[in-house]
Amino acid sequence: MKEMDLREQAVLDGIARGEARTQRDLARRAGVAVGLANALVKRLAGRGWIRVRRLSGRNLAYALTPKGMREKARFALQYMVW
């Protein structure tokens, strides 16, 4: 299983809190460029941690999957132990 880094955690957290309406919002939250935020979204979707749905045209909706919720909780626990 792949380990999550802090940038991925920031993206997951933004999606979970509903603060991420655009990839620009995700990029700002994670402190990365928009292109890297796009790569992070694709990586997380590929792992099955988030679901990306096209609303219309260029608008996308992001949702955390149950698997993503587990990984987010696991990361938080590891962080507290560390």
Protein backbone atom coordinates (compact mmCIF):
# COMPACT_ATOMS: atom_id res chain seq x y z
CA MET A 1 0.00 0.00 0.00
CA LYS A 2 1.25 3.46 -0.83
CA GLU A 3 1.98 5.86 2.01
CA MET A 4 0.26 9.21 1.95
CA ASP A 5 2.35 12.37 2.02
CA LEU A 6 1.39 15.70 3.59
CA ARG A 7 0.27 17.19 0.27
CA GLU A 8 -2.12 14.31 -0.35
CA GLN A 9 -3.37 14.65 3.21
CA ALA A 10 -4.04 18.36 2.64
CA VAL A 11 -6.02 17.57 -0.52
CA LEU A 12 -8.05 14.87 1.25
CA ASP A 13 -8.69 17.21 4.16
CA GLY A 14 -9.87 20.00 1.84
CA ILE A 15 -12.25 17.62 0.07
CA ALA A 16 -13.55 16.19 3.35
CA ARG A 17 -14.27 19.68 4.74
CA GLY A 18 -15.96 20.78 1.52
CA GLU A 19 -13.45 23.60 1.08
CA ALA A 20 -12.25 22.39 -2.31
CA ARG A 21 -14.53 23.57 -5.07
CA THR A 22 -11.80 23.83 -7.72
CA GLN A 23 -8.34 22.43 -8.30
CA ARG A 24 -7.06 25.94 -7.61
CA ASP A 25 -8.65 25.67 -4.13
CA LEU A 26 -7.00 22.28 -3.66
CA ALA A 27 -3.64 23.67 -4.80
CA ARG A 28 -3.90 26.59 -2.39
CA ARG A 29 -4.84 24.26 0.48
CA ALA A 30 -1.93 21.90 -0.24
CA GLY A 31 0.52 24.71 -0.96
CA VAL A 32 1.37 23.44 -4.44
CA ALA A 33 0.96 24.53 -8.06
CA VAL A 34 -2.32 23.82 -9.83
CA GLY A 35 -0.61 21.27 -12.12
CA LEU A 36 0.65 19.31 -9.11
CA ALA A 37 -2.81 19.50 -7.51
CA ASN A 38 -4.19 17.93 -10.70
CA ALA A 39 -1.61 15.12 -10.43
CA LEU A 40 -2.48 14.61 -6.75
CA VAL A 41 -6.20 14.39 -7.58
CA LYS A 42 -5.50 11.81 -10.28
CA ARG A 43 -3.28 9.82 -7.92
CA LEU A 44 -5.87 9.82 -5.13
CA ALA A 45 -8.66 8.92 -7.55
CA GLY A 46 -6.52 6.09 -8.94
CA ARG A 47 -6.09 4.71 -5.43
CA GLY A 48 -9.85 4.91 -4.93
CA TRP A 49 -9.62 7.45 -2.10
CA ILE A 50 -11.64 10.14 -3.85
CA ARG A 51 -14.31 10.20 -6.52
CA VAL A 52 -14.28 12.89 -9.20
CA ARG A 53 -17.52 13.61 -11.01
CA ARG A 54 -18.01 16.00 -13.92
CA LEU A 55 -20.85 18.40 -13.24
CA SER A 56 -20.83 20.35 -16.49
CA GLY A 57 -18.20 21.49 -18.92
CA ARG A 58 -15.12 22.20 -16.83
CA ASN A 59 -16.81 21.91 -13.42
CA LEU A 60 -15.90 18.92 -11.29
CA ALA A 61 -17.16 17.67 -7.94
CA TYR A 62 -14.88 15.85 -5.50
CA ALA A 63 -16.01 13.37 -2.86
CA LEU A 64 -14.14 11.28 -0.34
CA THR A 65 -14.82 7.55 -0.62
CA PRO A 66 -15.09 5.23 2.41
CA LYS A 67 -11.59 3.98 1.55
CA GLY A 68 -10.37 7.59 1.52
CA MET A 69 -11.97 8.23 4.91
CA ARG A 70 -10.14 5.22 6.36
CA GLU A 71 -6.81 6.40 4.94
CA LYS A 72 -7.38 9.93 6.24
CA ALA A 73 -8.12 8.57 9.72
CA ARG A 74 -5.12 6.23 9.58
CA PHE A 75 -2.85 9.11 8.58
CA ALA A 76 -4.16 11.26 11.45
CA LEU A 77 -3.52 8.44 13.93
CA GLN A 78 0.01 7.92 12.63
CA TYR A 79 0.64 11.65 12.87
CA MET A 80 -0.52 11.75 16.51
CA VAL A 81 1.66 8.75 17.39
CA TRP A 82 4.63 10.37 15.69
